[in-house]
N, C-alpha and C. Protein backbone atom coordinates (compact mmCIF):
# COMPACT_ATOMS: atom_id res chain seq x y z
N MET A 1 23.14 -3.11 -5.08
CA MET A 1 21.75 -3.51 -5.21
C MET A 1 20.90 -2.26 -5.49
N PRO A 2 19.97 -2.35 -6.43
CA PRO A 2 19.13 -1.20 -6.75
C PRO A 2 18.19 -0.86 -5.58
N LEU A 3 17.76 0.38 -5.56
CA LEU A 3 16.81 0.83 -4.55
C LEU A 3 15.53 0.01 -4.64
N ARG A 4 15.10 -0.55 -3.54
CA ARG A 4 13.87 -1.32 -3.48
C ARG A 4 12.74 -0.38 -3.09
N SER A 5 11.59 -0.56 -3.69
CA SER A 5 10.46 0.33 -3.47
C SER A 5 9.23 -0.44 -3.05
N VAL A 6 8.48 0.15 -2.11
CA VAL A 6 7.26 -0.47 -1.58
C VAL A 6 6.10 0.47 -1.84
N CYS A 7 5.13 -0.01 -2.59
CA CYS A 7 3.90 0.73 -2.84
C CYS A 7 2.98 0.53 -1.63
N VAL A 8 2.52 1.63 -1.06
CA VAL A 8 1.59 1.55 0.06
C VAL A 8 0.26 2.16 -0.36
N PHE A 9 -0.76 1.33 -0.38
CA PHE A 9 -2.13 1.78 -0.60
C PHE A 9 -2.79 1.87 0.77
N CYS A 10 -3.51 2.97 1.02
CA CYS A 10 -4.18 3.13 2.30
C CYS A 10 -5.17 4.29 2.22
N GLY A 11 -5.86 4.50 3.32
CA GLY A 11 -6.91 5.50 3.36
C GLY A 11 -6.41 6.93 3.25
N SER A 12 -7.19 7.74 2.55
CA SER A 12 -6.95 9.17 2.50
C SER A 12 -7.70 9.86 3.64
N ARG A 13 -8.28 9.07 4.50
CA ARG A 13 -8.89 9.53 5.75
C ARG A 13 -8.18 8.81 6.88
N PRO A 14 -8.24 9.37 8.09
CA PRO A 14 -7.54 8.73 9.21
C PRO A 14 -8.30 7.55 9.81
N GLY A 15 -9.58 7.43 9.54
CA GLY A 15 -10.37 6.38 10.19
C GLY A 15 -10.64 6.74 11.63
N ARG A 16 -11.41 5.90 12.31
CA ARG A 16 -11.78 6.17 13.70
C ARG A 16 -10.83 5.56 14.72
N ASN A 17 -10.12 4.51 14.34
CA ASN A 17 -9.27 3.80 15.27
C ASN A 17 -7.86 4.40 15.26
N PRO A 18 -7.40 4.98 16.37
CA PRO A 18 -6.05 5.57 16.41
C PRO A 18 -4.94 4.56 16.12
N ALA A 19 -5.22 3.28 16.30
CA ALA A 19 -4.21 2.25 16.00
C ALA A 19 -3.84 2.25 14.52
N HIS A 20 -4.76 2.65 13.66
CA HIS A 20 -4.48 2.67 12.22
C HIS A 20 -3.45 3.75 11.89
N ALA A 21 -3.61 4.94 12.47
CA ALA A 21 -2.65 6.02 12.24
C ALA A 21 -1.28 5.65 12.82
N GLU A 22 -1.29 5.02 13.97
CA GLU A 22 -0.02 4.60 14.57
C GLU A 22 0.68 3.58 13.69
N ALA A 23 -0.06 2.63 13.16
CA ALA A 23 0.53 1.62 12.26
C ALA A 23 1.05 2.28 10.98
N ALA A 24 0.34 3.29 10.49
CA ALA A 24 0.81 4.00 9.30
C ALA A 24 2.14 4.70 9.58
N ARG A 25 2.24 5.37 10.73
CA ARG A 25 3.50 6.02 11.09
C ARG A 25 4.62 4.99 11.25
N GLN A 26 4.33 3.89 11.91
CA GLN A 26 5.35 2.84 12.09
C GLN A 26 5.78 2.26 10.74
N THR A 27 4.84 2.15 9.81
CA THR A 27 5.17 1.63 8.48
C THR A 27 6.14 2.57 7.77
N GLY A 28 5.87 3.87 7.82
CA GLY A 28 6.78 4.83 7.20
C GLY A 28 8.17 4.78 7.80
N GLU A 29 8.24 4.72 9.13
CA GLU A 29 9.53 4.64 9.81
C GLU A 29 10.25 3.35 9.46
N MET A 30 9.51 2.25 9.38
CA MET A 30 10.10 0.95 9.05
C MET A 30 10.68 0.96 7.63
N LEU A 31 9.96 1.58 6.68
CA LEU A 31 10.48 1.65 5.32
C LEU A 31 11.80 2.41 5.30
N ALA A 32 11.85 3.54 6.00
CA ALA A 32 13.09 4.33 6.06
C ALA A 32 14.22 3.54 6.71
N ARG A 33 13.92 2.88 7.80
CA ARG A 33 14.95 2.11 8.54
C ARG A 33 15.59 1.05 7.65
N ASN A 34 14.82 0.50 6.73
CA ASN A 34 15.33 -0.55 5.85
C ASN A 34 15.90 -0.01 4.54
N GLY A 35 15.84 1.30 4.35
CA GLY A 35 16.36 1.88 3.12
C GLY A 35 15.48 1.67 1.91
N TRP A 36 14.19 1.44 2.14
CA TRP A 36 13.25 1.22 1.04
C TRP A 36 12.54 2.52 0.71
N ARG A 37 12.30 2.75 -0.56
CA ARG A 37 11.56 3.93 -1.02
C ARG A 37 10.06 3.69 -0.87
N LEU A 38 9.37 4.70 -0.39
CA LEU A 38 7.91 4.68 -0.30
C LEU A 38 7.33 5.18 -1.62
N VAL A 39 6.45 4.38 -2.21
CA VAL A 39 5.65 4.80 -3.36
C VAL A 39 4.23 4.95 -2.83
N PHE A 40 3.65 6.15 -2.98
CA PHE A 40 2.36 6.40 -2.35
C PHE A 40 1.55 7.38 -3.19
N GLY A 41 0.34 7.65 -2.76
CA GLY A 41 -0.59 8.47 -3.50
C GLY A 41 -0.34 9.97 -3.48
N ALA A 42 0.77 10.41 -2.93
CA ALA A 42 1.27 11.79 -2.96
C ALA A 42 0.53 12.76 -2.05
N GLY A 43 -0.62 12.42 -1.55
CA GLY A 43 -1.36 13.36 -0.70
C GLY A 43 -0.83 13.39 0.72
N ASP A 44 -1.20 14.43 1.42
CA ASP A 44 -0.76 14.64 2.79
C ASP A 44 -1.95 14.50 3.75
N VAL A 45 -2.87 13.62 3.41
CA VAL A 45 -4.10 13.47 4.19
C VAL A 45 -4.25 12.02 4.67
N GLY A 46 -5.00 11.85 5.73
CA GLY A 46 -5.34 10.52 6.22
C GLY A 46 -4.14 9.66 6.53
N LEU A 47 -4.33 8.35 6.41
CA LEU A 47 -3.23 7.41 6.66
C LEU A 47 -2.10 7.60 5.66
N MET A 48 -2.47 7.98 4.43
CA MET A 48 -1.47 8.22 3.39
C MET A 48 -0.49 9.31 3.86
N GLY A 49 -1.00 10.37 4.43
CA GLY A 49 -0.15 11.43 4.94
C GLY A 49 0.69 10.99 6.12
N GLU A 50 0.10 10.15 6.99
CA GLU A 50 0.85 9.64 8.15
C GLU A 50 2.05 8.81 7.70
N VAL A 51 1.84 7.91 6.75
CA VAL A 51 2.94 7.08 6.25
C VAL A 51 4.02 7.96 5.65
N ALA A 52 3.60 8.90 4.81
CA ALA A 52 4.57 9.74 4.09
C ALA A 52 5.36 10.63 5.04
N ARG A 53 4.68 11.28 5.98
CA ARG A 53 5.40 12.15 6.93
C ARG A 53 6.40 11.35 7.75
N ALA A 54 6.00 10.17 8.19
CA ALA A 54 6.91 9.35 8.99
C ALA A 54 8.09 8.87 8.14
N ALA A 55 7.82 8.47 6.91
CA ALA A 55 8.90 7.98 6.04
C ALA A 55 9.89 9.09 5.73
N THR A 56 9.40 10.25 5.32
CA THR A 56 10.31 11.34 4.98
C THR A 56 11.02 11.87 6.24
N GLY A 57 10.30 11.91 7.35
CA GLY A 57 10.91 12.35 8.60
C GLY A 57 12.06 11.46 9.04
N ALA A 58 11.98 10.19 8.67
CA ALA A 58 13.04 9.24 9.03
C ALA A 58 14.07 9.07 7.92
N GLY A 59 13.93 9.87 6.85
CA GLY A 59 14.95 9.87 5.80
C GLY A 59 14.70 8.99 4.59
N ALA A 60 13.50 8.46 4.41
CA ALA A 60 13.21 7.61 3.27
C ALA A 60 13.04 8.43 1.99
N ALA A 61 13.45 7.85 0.90
CA ALA A 61 13.12 8.40 -0.41
C ALA A 61 11.64 8.12 -0.66
N THR A 62 10.97 9.01 -1.39
CA THR A 62 9.55 8.78 -1.69
C THR A 62 9.26 9.12 -3.14
N LEU A 63 8.26 8.43 -3.66
CA LEU A 63 7.70 8.74 -4.98
C LEU A 63 6.21 8.89 -4.78
N GLY A 64 5.72 10.10 -4.95
CA GLY A 64 4.29 10.37 -4.84
C GLY A 64 3.67 10.42 -6.22
N VAL A 65 2.49 9.80 -6.34
CA VAL A 65 1.79 9.75 -7.62
C VAL A 65 0.37 10.26 -7.40
N ILE A 66 0.00 11.32 -8.10
CA ILE A 66 -1.29 11.94 -7.85
C ILE A 66 -1.97 12.28 -9.18
N PRO A 67 -3.26 12.01 -9.29
CA PRO A 67 -3.97 12.43 -10.51
C PRO A 67 -4.22 13.93 -10.49
N VAL A 68 -4.24 14.52 -11.66
CA VAL A 68 -4.36 15.96 -11.79
C VAL A 68 -5.58 16.51 -11.06
N HIS A 69 -6.68 15.77 -11.03
CA HIS A 69 -7.90 16.30 -10.41
C HIS A 69 -7.81 16.40 -8.88
N LEU A 70 -6.80 15.77 -8.26
CA LEU A 70 -6.65 15.86 -6.81
C LEU A 70 -5.60 16.90 -6.40
N LEU A 71 -4.94 17.52 -7.35
CA LEU A 71 -3.88 18.47 -7.00
C LEU A 71 -4.36 19.59 -6.09
N GLY A 72 -5.55 20.09 -6.29
CA GLY A 72 -6.06 21.17 -5.46
C GLY A 72 -6.63 20.72 -4.13
N ARG A 73 -6.88 19.42 -3.98
CA ARG A 73 -7.52 18.91 -2.77
C ARG A 73 -6.55 18.34 -1.76
N GLU A 74 -5.39 17.91 -2.20
CA GLU A 74 -4.43 17.27 -1.31
C GLU A 74 -3.09 17.98 -1.42
N ARG A 75 -2.56 18.42 -0.29
CA ARG A 75 -1.24 19.06 -0.28
C ARG A 75 -0.19 18.03 -0.65
N THR A 76 0.68 18.40 -1.55
CA THR A 76 1.65 17.42 -2.05
C THR A 76 3.10 17.84 -1.89
N GLU A 77 3.36 19.02 -1.36
CA GLU A 77 4.75 19.45 -1.20
C GLU A 77 5.42 18.62 -0.11
N ARG A 78 6.58 18.08 -0.42
CA ARG A 78 7.31 17.29 0.56
C ARG A 78 8.78 17.33 0.18
N ASP A 79 9.62 17.70 1.12
CA ASP A 79 11.05 17.75 0.85
C ASP A 79 11.57 16.38 0.44
N GLY A 80 12.37 16.37 -0.60
CA GLY A 80 13.01 15.13 -1.02
C GLY A 80 12.12 14.18 -1.78
N SER A 81 10.89 14.56 -2.04
CA SER A 81 9.98 13.67 -2.77
C SER A 81 10.09 13.88 -4.26
N THR A 82 9.92 12.82 -4.96
CA THR A 82 9.72 12.88 -6.39
C THR A 82 8.22 12.73 -6.60
N MET A 83 7.66 13.52 -7.49
CA MET A 83 6.21 13.44 -7.71
C MET A 83 5.91 13.28 -9.18
N VAL A 84 4.91 12.44 -9.45
CA VAL A 84 4.40 12.23 -10.80
C VAL A 84 2.93 12.61 -10.78
N VAL A 85 2.51 13.38 -11.77
CA VAL A 85 1.10 13.75 -11.91
C VAL A 85 0.53 12.94 -13.06
N THR A 86 -0.57 12.23 -12.79
CA THR A 86 -1.20 11.39 -13.80
C THR A 86 -2.51 12.02 -14.26
N GLU A 87 -3.04 11.49 -15.34
CA GLU A 87 -4.32 11.99 -15.87
C GLU A 87 -5.50 11.53 -15.05
N ASP A 88 -5.44 10.32 -14.50
CA ASP A 88 -6.61 9.78 -13.79
C ASP A 88 -6.18 8.76 -12.74
N MET A 89 -7.17 8.26 -12.00
CA MET A 89 -6.90 7.31 -10.92
C MET A 89 -6.33 5.99 -11.44
N HIS A 90 -6.82 5.53 -12.58
CA HIS A 90 -6.33 4.26 -13.12
C HIS A 90 -4.84 4.37 -13.44
N GLU A 91 -4.46 5.47 -14.08
CA GLU A 91 -3.05 5.65 -14.40
C GLU A 91 -2.22 5.77 -13.11
N ARG A 92 -2.79 6.40 -12.09
CA ARG A 92 -2.10 6.52 -10.80
C ARG A 92 -1.75 5.13 -10.26
N LYS A 93 -2.73 4.23 -10.22
CA LYS A 93 -2.48 2.87 -9.72
C LYS A 93 -1.39 2.18 -10.53
N LYS A 94 -1.47 2.32 -11.84
CA LYS A 94 -0.49 1.66 -12.71
C LYS A 94 0.92 2.19 -12.45
N VAL A 95 1.06 3.52 -12.36
CA VAL A 95 2.39 4.11 -12.12
C VAL A 95 2.92 3.68 -10.76
N MET A 96 2.06 3.70 -9.75
CA MET A 96 2.50 3.27 -8.42
C MET A 96 2.97 1.82 -8.46
N PHE A 97 2.18 0.96 -9.07
CA PHE A 97 2.51 -0.45 -9.13
C PHE A 97 3.80 -0.70 -9.91
N MET A 98 3.92 -0.05 -11.06
CA MET A 98 5.09 -0.28 -11.92
C MET A 98 6.39 0.20 -11.28
N ASN A 99 6.30 1.11 -10.33
CA ASN A 99 7.49 1.65 -9.67
C ASN A 99 7.74 1.01 -8.31
N SER A 100 7.19 -0.17 -8.09
CA SER A 100 7.36 -0.82 -6.79
C SER A 100 7.78 -2.28 -6.96
N ASP A 101 8.38 -2.79 -5.88
CA ASP A 101 8.78 -4.19 -5.84
C ASP A 101 7.85 -5.03 -4.99
N ALA A 102 7.03 -4.37 -4.20
CA ALA A 102 6.06 -5.04 -3.33
C ALA A 102 4.91 -4.07 -3.08
N VAL A 103 3.76 -4.63 -2.72
CA VAL A 103 2.56 -3.83 -2.45
C VAL A 103 2.11 -4.12 -1.02
N VAL A 104 1.84 -3.04 -0.28
CA VAL A 104 1.32 -3.14 1.07
C VAL A 104 -0.02 -2.40 1.10
N VAL A 105 -1.02 -3.00 1.73
CA VAL A 105 -2.32 -2.36 1.85
C VAL A 105 -2.63 -2.20 3.33
N LEU A 106 -2.69 -0.93 3.76
CA LEU A 106 -3.09 -0.58 5.11
C LEU A 106 -4.60 -0.35 5.12
N PRO A 107 -5.19 -0.17 6.29
CA PRO A 107 -6.63 0.11 6.32
C PRO A 107 -6.99 1.29 5.42
N GLY A 108 -8.16 1.20 4.84
CA GLY A 108 -8.66 2.24 3.95
C GLY A 108 -10.07 1.94 3.51
N GLY A 109 -10.56 2.73 2.60
CA GLY A 109 -11.94 2.61 2.14
C GLY A 109 -12.05 2.05 0.74
N ALA A 110 -13.00 2.57 -0.01
CA ALA A 110 -13.29 2.05 -1.35
C ALA A 110 -12.07 2.13 -2.26
N GLY A 111 -11.31 3.22 -2.17
CA GLY A 111 -10.12 3.34 -3.02
C GLY A 111 -9.09 2.27 -2.71
N SER A 112 -8.88 2.00 -1.43
CA SER A 112 -7.91 0.97 -1.04
C SER A 112 -8.38 -0.41 -1.46
N LEU A 113 -9.69 -0.64 -1.37
CA LEU A 113 -10.23 -1.92 -1.84
C LEU A 113 -10.04 -2.06 -3.35
N ASP A 114 -10.30 -0.99 -4.09
CA ASP A 114 -10.10 -1.00 -5.54
C ASP A 114 -8.64 -1.32 -5.87
N GLU A 115 -7.73 -0.66 -5.17
CA GLU A 115 -6.31 -0.87 -5.42
C GLU A 115 -5.91 -2.31 -5.10
N PHE A 116 -6.38 -2.84 -3.97
CA PHE A 116 -6.08 -4.21 -3.60
C PHE A 116 -6.59 -5.19 -4.65
N PHE A 117 -7.86 -5.04 -5.02
CA PHE A 117 -8.44 -6.00 -5.97
C PHE A 117 -7.81 -5.89 -7.35
N GLU A 118 -7.40 -4.70 -7.76
CA GLU A 118 -6.75 -4.59 -9.06
C GLU A 118 -5.42 -5.34 -9.06
N VAL A 119 -4.56 -5.11 -8.06
CA VAL A 119 -3.27 -5.81 -8.07
C VAL A 119 -3.45 -7.30 -7.81
N LEU A 120 -4.47 -7.67 -7.02
CA LEU A 120 -4.76 -9.09 -6.81
C LEU A 120 -5.21 -9.75 -8.12
N THR A 121 -6.06 -9.08 -8.86
CA THR A 121 -6.51 -9.62 -10.15
C THR A 121 -5.35 -9.76 -11.12
N TRP A 122 -4.48 -8.75 -11.16
CA TRP A 122 -3.30 -8.83 -12.03
C TRP A 122 -2.45 -10.04 -11.66
N ALA A 123 -2.30 -10.32 -10.37
CA ALA A 123 -1.53 -11.49 -9.94
C ALA A 123 -2.25 -12.78 -10.35
N GLN A 124 -3.56 -12.80 -10.15
CA GLN A 124 -4.35 -13.99 -10.46
C GLN A 124 -4.24 -14.37 -11.94
N ILE A 125 -4.20 -13.38 -12.82
CA ILE A 125 -4.13 -13.69 -14.25
C ILE A 125 -2.70 -13.74 -14.78
N GLY A 126 -1.73 -13.70 -13.86
CA GLY A 126 -0.34 -13.92 -14.23
C GLY A 126 0.41 -12.71 -14.74
N LEU A 127 -0.09 -11.50 -14.49
CA LEU A 127 0.61 -10.31 -14.97
C LEU A 127 1.78 -9.91 -14.08
N HIS A 128 1.81 -10.40 -12.85
CA HIS A 128 2.95 -10.10 -11.98
C HIS A 128 3.04 -11.15 -10.88
N GLY A 129 4.18 -11.15 -10.23
CA GLY A 129 4.41 -12.02 -9.09
C GLY A 129 4.90 -11.25 -7.88
N LYS A 130 4.62 -9.94 -7.87
CA LYS A 130 5.05 -9.11 -6.74
C LYS A 130 4.27 -9.49 -5.49
N PRO A 131 4.94 -9.46 -4.35
CA PRO A 131 4.23 -9.76 -3.10
C PRO A 131 3.20 -8.67 -2.77
N ILE A 132 2.07 -9.12 -2.25
CA ILE A 132 1.00 -8.24 -1.78
C ILE A 132 0.77 -8.59 -0.32
N LEU A 133 0.90 -7.58 0.55
CA LEU A 133 0.72 -7.81 1.98
C LEU A 133 -0.39 -6.91 2.52
N LEU A 134 -1.32 -7.49 3.24
CA LEU A 134 -2.38 -6.74 3.93
C LEU A 134 -1.95 -6.54 5.37
N LEU A 135 -1.86 -5.29 5.81
CA LEU A 135 -1.56 -5.01 7.20
C LEU A 135 -2.88 -4.98 7.96
N ASP A 136 -3.14 -6.04 8.68
CA ASP A 136 -4.44 -6.30 9.32
C ASP A 136 -4.47 -5.74 10.74
N VAL A 137 -4.36 -4.42 10.85
CA VAL A 137 -4.31 -3.75 12.15
C VAL A 137 -5.61 -4.02 12.92
N GLU A 138 -5.46 -4.66 14.09
CA GLU A 138 -6.59 -4.99 14.96
C GLU A 138 -7.75 -5.66 14.21
N GLY A 139 -7.38 -6.52 13.24
CA GLY A 139 -8.39 -7.31 12.52
C GLY A 139 -9.17 -6.55 11.45
N TYR A 140 -8.68 -5.36 11.06
CA TYR A 140 -9.40 -4.53 10.10
C TYR A 140 -9.76 -5.29 8.82
N TRP A 141 -8.85 -6.07 8.29
CA TRP A 141 -9.08 -6.74 7.00
C TRP A 141 -9.76 -8.10 7.13
N GLN A 142 -10.13 -8.55 8.30
CA GLN A 142 -10.76 -9.86 8.44
C GLN A 142 -12.04 -10.02 7.61
N PRO A 143 -12.91 -9.01 7.52
CA PRO A 143 -14.07 -9.17 6.63
C PRO A 143 -13.68 -9.35 5.16
N LEU A 144 -12.60 -8.68 4.73
CA LEU A 144 -12.11 -8.84 3.36
C LEU A 144 -11.58 -10.25 3.15
N VAL A 145 -10.80 -10.74 4.09
CA VAL A 145 -10.27 -12.10 3.99
C VAL A 145 -11.42 -13.11 3.94
N ALA A 146 -12.45 -12.90 4.76
CA ALA A 146 -13.62 -13.78 4.75
C ALA A 146 -14.33 -13.71 3.40
N LEU A 147 -14.40 -12.54 2.80
CA LEU A 147 -15.02 -12.41 1.48
C LEU A 147 -14.23 -13.19 0.43
N VAL A 148 -12.91 -13.06 0.45
CA VAL A 148 -12.09 -13.81 -0.51
C VAL A 148 -12.29 -15.31 -0.30
N ASP A 149 -12.31 -15.76 0.96
CA ASP A 149 -12.55 -17.18 1.24
C ASP A 149 -13.93 -17.61 0.74
N HIS A 150 -14.92 -16.73 0.87
CA HIS A 150 -16.28 -17.01 0.39
C HIS A 150 -16.31 -17.13 -1.14
N VAL A 151 -15.60 -16.24 -1.82
CA VAL A 151 -15.51 -16.29 -3.28
C VAL A 151 -14.92 -17.63 -3.72
N ILE A 152 -13.89 -18.08 -3.01
CA ILE A 152 -13.27 -19.36 -3.31
C ILE A 152 -14.24 -20.51 -3.03
N ALA A 153 -14.88 -20.48 -1.86
CA ALA A 153 -15.81 -21.54 -1.46
C ALA A 153 -16.99 -21.65 -2.43
N GLU A 154 -17.40 -20.53 -3.00
CA GLU A 154 -18.53 -20.51 -3.93
C GLU A 154 -18.12 -20.85 -5.37
N GLY A 155 -16.84 -21.13 -5.58
CA GLY A 155 -16.38 -21.57 -6.89
C GLY A 155 -16.08 -20.48 -7.89
N PHE A 156 -15.96 -19.22 -7.45
CA PHE A 156 -15.65 -18.14 -8.37
C PHE A 156 -14.16 -17.87 -8.49
N ALA A 157 -13.37 -18.57 -7.72
CA ALA A 157 -11.91 -18.52 -7.81
C ALA A 157 -11.39 -19.83 -7.22
N ASP A 158 -10.19 -20.22 -7.63
CA ASP A 158 -9.65 -21.42 -7.02
C ASP A 158 -8.82 -21.06 -5.79
N ASP A 159 -8.40 -22.08 -5.06
CA ASP A 159 -7.67 -21.86 -3.81
C ASP A 159 -6.41 -21.03 -3.98
N ALA A 160 -5.85 -21.02 -5.19
CA ALA A 160 -4.62 -20.28 -5.44
C ALA A 160 -4.79 -18.78 -5.21
N LEU A 161 -6.01 -18.28 -5.28
CA LEU A 161 -6.23 -16.85 -5.08
C LEU A 161 -5.68 -16.41 -3.73
N ARG A 162 -5.90 -17.20 -2.70
CA ARG A 162 -5.43 -16.87 -1.35
C ARG A 162 -3.91 -16.81 -1.27
N GLY A 163 -3.24 -17.51 -2.16
CA GLY A 163 -1.79 -17.52 -2.17
C GLY A 163 -1.16 -16.28 -2.79
N HIS A 164 -1.98 -15.42 -3.38
CA HIS A 164 -1.45 -14.21 -4.02
C HIS A 164 -1.27 -13.05 -3.05
N PHE A 165 -1.72 -13.21 -1.80
CA PHE A 165 -1.49 -12.16 -0.81
C PHE A 165 -1.27 -12.79 0.55
N ARG A 166 -0.61 -12.01 1.39
CA ARG A 166 -0.31 -12.47 2.75
C ARG A 166 -0.89 -11.46 3.74
N VAL A 167 -1.48 -11.95 4.80
CA VAL A 167 -2.03 -11.11 5.85
C VAL A 167 -1.04 -11.09 7.00
N VAL A 168 -0.68 -9.87 7.45
CA VAL A 168 0.21 -9.73 8.60
C VAL A 168 -0.51 -8.88 9.65
N ALA A 169 -0.29 -9.20 10.91
CA ALA A 169 -1.05 -8.58 12.00
C ALA A 169 -0.50 -7.24 12.46
N ASP A 170 0.79 -7.00 12.23
CA ASP A 170 1.39 -5.79 12.77
C ASP A 170 2.59 -5.39 11.91
N VAL A 171 3.17 -4.24 12.24
CA VAL A 171 4.28 -3.73 11.44
C VAL A 171 5.52 -4.62 11.55
N ALA A 172 5.71 -5.27 12.69
CA ALA A 172 6.83 -6.21 12.82
C ALA A 172 6.67 -7.36 11.82
N GLY A 173 5.47 -7.87 11.68
CA GLY A 173 5.19 -8.92 10.70
C GLY A 173 5.34 -8.41 9.27
N LEU A 174 4.95 -7.17 9.06
CA LEU A 174 5.11 -6.56 7.74
C LEU A 174 6.59 -6.43 7.39
N GLU A 175 7.38 -5.96 8.34
CA GLU A 175 8.81 -5.82 8.11
C GLU A 175 9.46 -7.17 7.81
N GLU A 176 9.08 -8.17 8.57
CA GLU A 176 9.62 -9.53 8.34
C GLU A 176 9.24 -10.03 6.96
N GLY A 177 7.99 -9.84 6.58
CA GLY A 177 7.53 -10.30 5.26
C GLY A 177 8.22 -9.56 4.13
N LEU A 178 8.37 -8.25 4.25
CA LEU A 178 9.04 -7.48 3.21
C LEU A 178 10.52 -7.80 3.15
N THR A 179 11.16 -7.98 4.29
CA THR A 179 12.58 -8.31 4.31
C THR A 179 12.83 -9.61 3.57
N ARG A 180 11.95 -10.56 3.77
CA ARG A 180 12.11 -11.86 3.11
C ARG A 180 12.06 -11.74 1.58
N VAL A 181 11.23 -10.85 1.07
CA VAL A 181 11.07 -10.76 -0.39
C VAL A 181 11.91 -9.66 -1.04
N LEU A 182 12.41 -8.69 -0.27
CA LEU A 182 13.14 -7.59 -0.86
C LEU A 182 14.65 -7.67 -0.69
N ARG A 183 15.15 -8.56 0.13
CA ARG A 183 16.61 -8.65 0.35
C ARG A 183 17.22 -9.64 -0.61
């Protein structure tokens, strides 16, 4: 069976809630335990760095993708990592997505929202059928889920939009969801 890869979109900041960093570390360890490659934004900062350090520390293969303009701002050296440098953020998202079998979104800010909505839109218009999972650590994504439900209720999307992603409450649920689609 070919190596399965999981794209993880998440914050380049740690956030205020320590549970988010813990979930990021658990996610990295879980990917390694299952033999899945981590595809991530290549930086060593915030939740992104937590996932990557935990994954590589537990023996996971990684593919880091970073736009050239962030090379000086984010440390990217990591043993055993493969790294791709892109021209811009849009190309970064595309390369990350194209090199993955599933997408996971951990807590994050505007960039994580952009990444989520781009892959969700691609699914909505039929460009892919890859699973998208939101890791809803301590209810972090509930306002986003409410917004998507509001968009549907207001007639700007049909009910099928909600079927393009799955919300999981913890890393155990994330592992179960990924195992179901990657095995």
